[in-house]
Amino acid sequence: MSWASWSDFFAMGGYGFYVWGSYLVALFCMIGEIVLVFNHRRTLHKQLSLIHKATQQEQNNETTS
């Protein structure tokens, strides 16, 4: 397809709302997925550090007893 102007390009032959809306929804989903992955990673690191601290405390209690 060839477009005469930028407004024709964005209109996409009358389907611009659906085309650009689909791109926008896909972009929001990808950004949301990245945010969720980083939040899950941060939570996992916190949980692992708590487990590591608890394990070290147990080892220290065993050696002093």
PDB file of N, CA and C in Angstrom:
ATOM      1  N   MET A   1       0.832  -1.181   0.000  1.00  0.00           N
ATOM      2  CA  MET A   1       0.000   0.000   0.000  1.00  0.00           C
ATOM      3  C   MET A   1       0.876   1.243   0.000  1.00  0.00           C
ATOM      4  N   SER A   2       0.356   2.265  -0.618  1.00  0.00           N
ATOM      5  CA  SER A   2       1.052   3.545  -0.569  1.00  0.00           C
ATOM      6  C   SER A   2       0.088   4.597  -0.049  1.00  0.00           C
ATOM      7  N   TRP A   3       0.625   5.464   0.746  1.00  0.00           N
ATOM      8  CA  TRP A   3      -0.193   6.502   1.362  1.00  0.00           C
ATOM      9  C   TRP A   3       0.266   7.861   0.849  1.00  0.00           C
ATOM     10  N   ALA A   4      -0.709   8.736   0.642  1.00  0.00           N
ATOM     11  CA  ALA A   4      -0.408  10.068   0.122  1.00  0.00           C
ATOM     12  C   ALA A   4       0.091  11.002   1.217  1.00  0.00           C
ATOM     13  N   SER A   5      -0.310  10.738   2.451  1.00  0.00           N
ATOM     14  CA  SER A   5       0.097  11.610   3.554  1.00  0.00           C
ATOM     15  C   SER A   5       0.149  10.809   4.843  1.00  0.00           C
ATOM     16  N   TRP A   6       0.656  11.438   5.882  1.00  0.00           N
ATOM     17  CA  TRP A   6       0.729  10.790   7.191  1.00  0.00           C
ATOM     18  C   TRP A   6      -0.659  10.503   7.744  1.00  0.00           C
ATOM     19  N   SER A   7      -1.612  11.381   7.486  1.00  0.00           N
ATOM     20  CA  SER A   7      -2.966  11.150   7.988  1.00  0.00           C
ATOM     21  C   SER A   7      -3.580   9.917   7.324  1.00  0.00           C
ATOM     22  N   ASP A   8      -3.270   9.678   6.040  1.00  0.00           N
ATOM     23  CA  ASP A   8      -3.726   8.455   5.381  1.00  0.00           C
ATOM     24  C   ASP A   8      -3.071   7.223   6.000  1.00  0.00           C
ATOM     25  N   PHE A   9      -1.801   7.370   6.338  1.00  0.00           N
ATOM     26  CA  PHE A   9      -1.097   6.258   6.967  1.00  0.00           C
ATOM     27  C   PHE A   9      -1.736   5.900   8.303  1.00  0.00           C
ATOM     28  N   PHE A  10      -2.006   6.907   9.135  1.00  0.00           N
ATOM     29  CA  PHE A  10      -2.590   6.647  10.444  1.00  0.00           C
ATOM     30  C   PHE A  10      -4.049   6.199  10.351  1.00  0.00           C
ATOM     31  N   ALA A  11      -4.751   6.580   9.292  1.00  0.00           N
ATOM     32  CA  ALA A  11      -6.140   6.158   9.109  1.00  0.00           C
ATOM     33  C   ALA A  11      -6.216   4.700   8.646  1.00  0.00           C
ATOM     34  N   MET A  12      -5.174   4.206   8.005  1.00  0.00           N
ATOM     35  CA  MET A  12      -5.087   2.820   7.534  1.00  0.00           C
ATOM     36  C   MET A  12      -6.323   2.400   6.735  1.00  0.00           C
ATOM     37  N   GLY A  13      -6.754   3.245   5.843  1.00  0.00           N
ATOM     38  CA  GLY A  13      -7.887   2.903   4.994  1.00  0.00           C
ATOM     39  C   GLY A  13      -9.191   2.767   5.749  1.00  0.00           C
ATOM     40  N   GLY A  14      -9.328   3.469   6.859  1.00  0.00           N
ATOM     41  CA  GLY A  14     -10.545   3.399   7.659  1.00  0.00           C
ATOM     42  C   GLY A  14     -10.451   2.430   8.818  1.00  0.00           C
ATOM     43  N   TYR A  15      -9.377   1.648   8.891  1.00  0.00           N
ATOM     44  CA  TYR A  15      -9.204   0.667   9.968  1.00  0.00           C
ATOM     45  C   TYR A  15      -8.139   1.082  10.969  1.00  0.00           C
ATOM     46  N   GLY A  16      -7.766   2.325  10.947  1.00  0.00           N
ATOM     47  CA  GLY A  16      -6.697   2.814  11.823  1.00  0.00           C
ATOM     48  C   GLY A  16      -6.990   2.617  13.292  1.00  0.00           C
ATOM     49  N   PHE A  17      -8.234   2.836  13.703  1.00  0.00           N
ATOM     50  CA  PHE A  17      -8.584   2.663  15.119  1.00  0.00           C
ATOM     51  C   PHE A  17      -8.294   1.236  15.583  1.00  0.00           C
ATOM     52  N   TYR A  18      -8.665   0.256  14.767  1.00  0.00           N
ATOM     53  CA  TYR A  18      -8.463  -1.136  15.132  1.00  0.00           C
ATOM     54  C   TYR A  18      -6.989  -1.534  15.056  1.00  0.00           C
ATOM     55  N   VAL A  19      -6.319  -1.061  14.020  1.00  0.00           N
ATOM     56  CA  VAL A  19      -4.897  -1.400  13.849  1.00  0.00           C
ATOM     57  C   VAL A  19      -4.078  -0.811  14.982  1.00  0.00           C
ATOM     58  N   TRP A  20      -4.192   0.508  15.203  1.00  0.00           N
ATOM     59  CA  TRP A  20      -3.382   1.158  16.221  1.00  0.00           C
ATOM     60  C   TRP A  20      -3.837   0.771  17.622  1.00  0.00           C
ATOM     61  N   GLY A  21      -5.124   0.500  17.772  1.00  0.00           N
ATOM     62  CA  GLY A  21      -5.621   0.010  19.063  1.00  0.00           C
ATOM     63  C   GLY A  21      -5.024  -1.344  19.406  1.00  0.00           C
ATOM     64  N   SER A  22      -4.893  -2.206  18.407  1.00  0.00           N
ATOM     65  CA  SER A  22      -4.289  -3.524  18.619  1.00  0.00           C
ATOM     66  C   SER A  22      -2.822  -3.399  19.005  1.00  0.00           C
ATOM     67  N   TYR A  23      -2.118  -2.510  18.326  1.00  0.00           N
ATOM     68  CA  TYR A  23      -0.717  -2.281  18.686  1.00  0.00           C
ATOM     69  C   TYR A  23      -0.601  -1.738  20.109  1.00  0.00           C
ATOM     70  N   LEU A  24      -1.487  -0.849  20.489  1.00  0.00           N
ATOM     71  CA  LEU A  24      -1.454  -0.255  21.823  1.00  0.00           C
ATOM     72  C   LEU A  24      -1.734  -1.303  22.896  1.00  0.00           C
ATOM     73  N   VAL A  25      -2.726  -2.157  22.670  1.00  0.00           N
ATOM     74  CA  VAL A  25      -3.042  -3.219  23.632  1.00  0.00           C
ATOM     75  C   VAL A  25      -1.865  -4.177  23.755  1.00  0.00           C
ATOM     76  N   ALA A  26      -1.268  -4.555  22.634  1.00  0.00           N
ATOM     77  CA  ALA A  26      -0.113  -5.457  22.665  1.00  0.00           C
ATOM     78  C   ALA A  26       1.055  -4.820  23.416  1.00  0.00           C
ATOM     79  N   LEU A  27       1.280  -3.527  23.206  1.00  0.00           N
ATOM     80  CA  LEU A  27       2.359  -2.827  23.900  1.00  0.00           C
ATOM     81  C   LEU A  27       2.109  -2.804  25.408  1.00  0.00           C
ATOM     82  N   PHE A  28       0.876  -2.504  25.822  1.00  0.00           N
ATOM     83  CA  PHE A  28       0.554  -2.500  27.246  1.00  0.00           C
ATOM     84  C   PHE A  28       0.742  -3.889  27.860  1.00  0.00           C
ATOM     85  N   CYS A  29       0.368  -4.921  27.127  1.00  0.00           N
ATOM     86  CA  CYS A  29       0.545  -6.290  27.636  1.00  0.00           C
ATOM     87  C   CYS A  29       2.022  -6.630  27.805  1.00  0.00           C
ATOM     88  N   MET A  30       2.846  -6.231  26.852  1.00  0.00           N
ATOM     89  CA  MET A  30       4.285  -6.512  26.960  1.00  0.00           C
ATOM     90  C   MET A  30       4.910  -5.744  28.113  1.00  0.00           C
ATOM     91  N   ILE A  31       4.533  -4.483  28.269  1.00  0.00           N
ATOM     92  CA  ILE A  31       5.059  -3.689  29.391  1.00  0.00           C
ATOM     93  C   ILE A  31       4.598  -4.281  30.716  1.00  0.00           C
ATOM     94  N   GLY A  32       3.327  -4.673  30.784  1.00  0.00           N
ATOM     95  CA  GLY A  32       2.808  -5.299  31.996  1.00  0.00           C
ATOM     96  C   GLY A  32       3.544  -6.580  32.329  1.00  0.00           C
ATOM     97  N   GLU A  33       3.853  -7.374  31.333  1.00  0.00           N
ATOM     98  CA  GLU A  33       4.582  -8.614  31.563  1.00  0.00           C
ATOM     99  C   GLU A  33       5.984  -8.344  32.113  1.00  0.00           C
ATOM    100  N   ILE A  34       6.649  -7.340  31.570  1.00  0.00           N
ATOM    101  CA  ILE A  34       7.986  -6.987  32.062  1.00  0.00           C
ATOM    102  C   ILE A  34       7.918  -6.528  33.511  1.00  0.00           C
ATOM    103  N   VAL A  35       6.929  -5.711  33.839  1.00  0.00           N
ATOM    104  CA  VAL A  35       6.765  -5.237  35.221  1.00  0.00           C
ATOM    105  C   VAL A  35       6.494  -6.414  36.152  1.00  0.00           C
ATOM    106  N   LEU A  36       5.637  -7.333  35.747  1.00  0.00           N
ATOM    107  CA  LEU A  36       5.331  -8.492  36.583  1.00  0.00           C
ATOM    108  C   LEU A  36       6.557  -9.379  36.795  1.00  0.00           C
ATOM    109  N   VAL A  37       7.355  -9.543  35.755  1.00  0.00           N
ATOM    110  CA  VAL A  37       8.564 -10.368  35.889  1.00  0.00           C
ATOM    111  C   VAL A  37       9.539  -9.728  36.878  1.00  0.00           C
ATOM    112  N   PHE A  38       9.736  -8.411  36.786  1.00  0.00           N
ATOM    113  CA  PHE A  38      10.648  -7.745  37.712  1.00  0.00           C
ATOM    114  C   PHE A  38      10.127  -7.793  39.146  1.00  0.00           C
ATOM    115  N   ASN A  39       8.816  -7.645  39.332  1.00  0.00           N
ATOM    116  CA  ASN A  39       8.244  -7.737  40.677  1.00  0.00           C
ATOM    117  C   ASN A  39       8.403  -9.149  41.237  1.00  0.00           C
ATOM    118  N   HIS A  40       8.172 -10.147  40.408  1.00  0.00           N
ATOM    119  CA  HIS A  40       8.330 -11.529  40.852  1.00  0.00           C
ATOM    120  C   HIS A  40       9.787 -11.817  41.202  1.00  0.00           C
ATOM    121  N   ARG A  41      10.700 -11.294  40.409  1.00  0.00           N
ATOM    122  CA  ARG A  41      12.135 -11.490  40.666  1.00  0.00           C
ATOM    123  C   ARG A  41      12.533 -10.863  41.998  1.00  0.00           C
ATOM    124  N   ARG A  42      12.037  -9.645  42.261  1.00  0.00           N
ATOM    125  CA  ARG A  42      12.356  -8.963  43.513  1.00  0.00           C
ATOM    126  C   ARG A  42      11.790  -9.733  44.711  1.00  0.00           C
ATOM    127  N   THR A  43      10.562 -10.235  44.585  1.00  0.00           N
ATOM    128  CA  THR A  43       9.958 -11.019  45.655  1.00  0.00           C
ATOM    129  C   THR A  43      10.739 -12.299  45.894  1.00  0.00           C
ATOM    130  N   LEU A  44      11.152 -12.949  44.830  1.00  0.00           N
ATOM    131  CA  LEU A  44      11.926 -14.179  44.953  1.00  0.00           C
ATOM    132  C   LEU A  44      13.257 -13.923  45.650  1.00  0.00           C
ATOM    133  N   HIS A  45      13.930 -12.825  45.315  1.00  0.00           N
ATOM    134  CA  HIS A  45      15.194 -12.493  45.980  1.00  0.00           C
ATOM    135  C   HIS A  45      14.977 -12.241  47.469  1.00  0.00           C
ATOM    136  N   LYS A  46      13.898 -11.567  47.834  1.00  0.00           N
ATOM    137  CA  LYS A  46      13.606 -11.326  49.249  1.00  0.00           C
ATOM    138  C   LYS A  46      13.374 -12.640  49.983  1.00  0.00           C
ATOM    139  N   GLN A  47      12.605 -13.532  49.382  1.00  0.00           N
ATOM    140  CA  GLN A  47      12.331 -14.816  50.015  1.00  0.00           C
ATOM    141  C   GLN A  47      13.603 -15.647  50.164  1.00  0.00           C
ATOM    142  N   LEU A  48      14.429 -15.646  49.142  1.00  0.00           N
ATOM    143  CA  LEU A  48      15.678 -16.410  49.217  1.00  0.00           C
ATOM    144  C   LEU A  48      16.625 -15.842  50.266  1.00  0.00           C
ATOM    145  N   SER A  49      16.662 -14.523  50.398  1.00  0.00           N
ATOM    146  CA  SER A  49      17.537 -13.947  51.418  1.00  0.00           C
ATOM    147  C   SER A  49      17.024 -14.278  52.812  1.00  0.00           C
ATOM    148  N   LEU A  50      15.710 -14.309  53.007  1.00  0.00           N
ATOM    149  CA  LEU A  50      15.161 -14.710  54.310  1.00  0.00           C
ATOM    150  C   LEU A  50      15.482 -16.166  54.628  1.00  0.00           C
ATOM    151  N   ILE A  51      15.379 -17.023  53.630  1.00  0.00           N
ATOM    152  CA  ILE A  51      15.717 -18.436  53.828  1.00  0.00           C
ATOM    153  C   ILE A  51      17.192 -18.581  54.152  1.00  0.00           C
ATOM    154  N   HIS A  52      18.040 -17.819  53.464  1.00  0.00           N
ATOM    155  CA  HIS A  52      19.483 -17.888  53.702  1.00  0.00           C
ATOM    156  C   HIS A  52      19.817 -17.423  55.119  1.00  0.00           C
ATOM    157  N   LYS A  53      19.191 -16.334  55.562  1.00  0.00           N
ATOM    158  CA  LYS A  53      19.431 -15.840  56.918  1.00  0.00           C
ATOM    159  C   LYS A  53      18.967 -16.852  57.959  1.00  0.00           C
ATOM    160  N   ALA A  54      17.816 -17.466  57.736  1.00  0.00           N
ATOM    161  CA  ALA A  54      17.293 -18.458  58.679  1.00  0.00           C
ATOM    162  C   ALA A  54      18.219 -19.667  58.745  1.00  0.00           C
ATOM    163  N   THR A  55      18.743 -20.083  57.606  1.00  0.00           N
ATOM    164  CA  THR A  55      19.654 -21.224  57.575  1.00  0.00           C
ATOM    165  C   THR A  55      20.948 -20.896  58.310  1.00  0.00           C
ATOM    166  N   GLN A  56      21.471 -19.700  58.131  1.00  0.00           N
ATOM    167  CA  GLN A  56      22.691 -19.305  58.829  1.00  0.00           C
ATOM    168  C   GLN A  56      22.459 -19.241  60.340  1.00  0.00           C
ATOM    169  N   GLN A  57      21.310 -18.746  60.767  1.00  0.00           N
ATOM    170  CA  GLN A  57      21.011 -18.689  62.199  1.00  0.00           C
ATOM    171  C   GLN A  57      20.911 -20.085  62.785  1.00  0.00           C
ATOM    172  N   GLU A  58      20.305 -21.010  62.042  1.00  0.00           N
ATOM    173  CA  GLU A  58      20.229 -22.393  62.522  1.00  0.00           C
ATOM    174  C   GLU A  58      21.616 -23.004  62.643  1.00  0.00           C
ATOM    175  N   GLN A  59      22.484 -22.735  61.684  1.00  0.00           N
ATOM    176  CA  GLN A  59      23.843 -23.275  61.740  1.00  0.00           C
ATOM    177  C   GLN A  59      24.609 -22.665  62.909  1.00  0.00           C
ATOM    178  N   ASN A  60      24.422 -21.369  63.172  1.00  0.00           N
ATOM    179  CA  ASN A  60      25.084 -20.735  64.290  1.00  0.00           C
ATOM    180  C   ASN A  60      24.580 -21.289  65.614  1.00  0.00           C
ATOM    181  N   ASN A  61      23.301 -21.569  65.719  1.00  0.00           N
ATOM    182  CA  ASN A  61      22.739 -22.144  66.938  1.00  0.00           C
ATOM    183  C   ASN A  61      23.240 -23.553  67.161  1.00  0.00           C
ATOM    184  N   GLU A  62      23.444 -24.322  66.102  1.00  0.00           N
ATOM    185  CA  GLU A  62      23.938 -25.698  66.226  1.00  0.00           C
ATOM    186  C   GLU A  62      25.396 -25.705  66.675  1.00  0.00           C
ATOM    187  N   THR A  63      26.200 -24.772  66.202  1.00  0.00           N
ATOM    188  CA  THR A  63      27.618 -24.770  66.564  1.00  0.00           C
ATOM    189  C   THR A  63      27.824 -24.267  67.996  1.00  0.00           C
ATOM    190  N   THR A  64      26.974 -23.399  68.488  1.00  0.00           N
ATOM    191  CA  THR A  64      27.133 -22.894  69.855  1.00  0.00           C
ATOM    192  C   THR A  64      26.531 -23.843  70.885  1.00  0.00           C
ATOM    193  N   SER A  65      25.643 -24.737  70.469  1.00  0.00           N
ATOM    194  CA  SER A  65      25.015 -25.648  71.438  1.00  0.00           C
ATOM    195  C   SER A  65      25.913 -26.799  71.791  1.00  0.00           C
TER     196      SER A  65
END
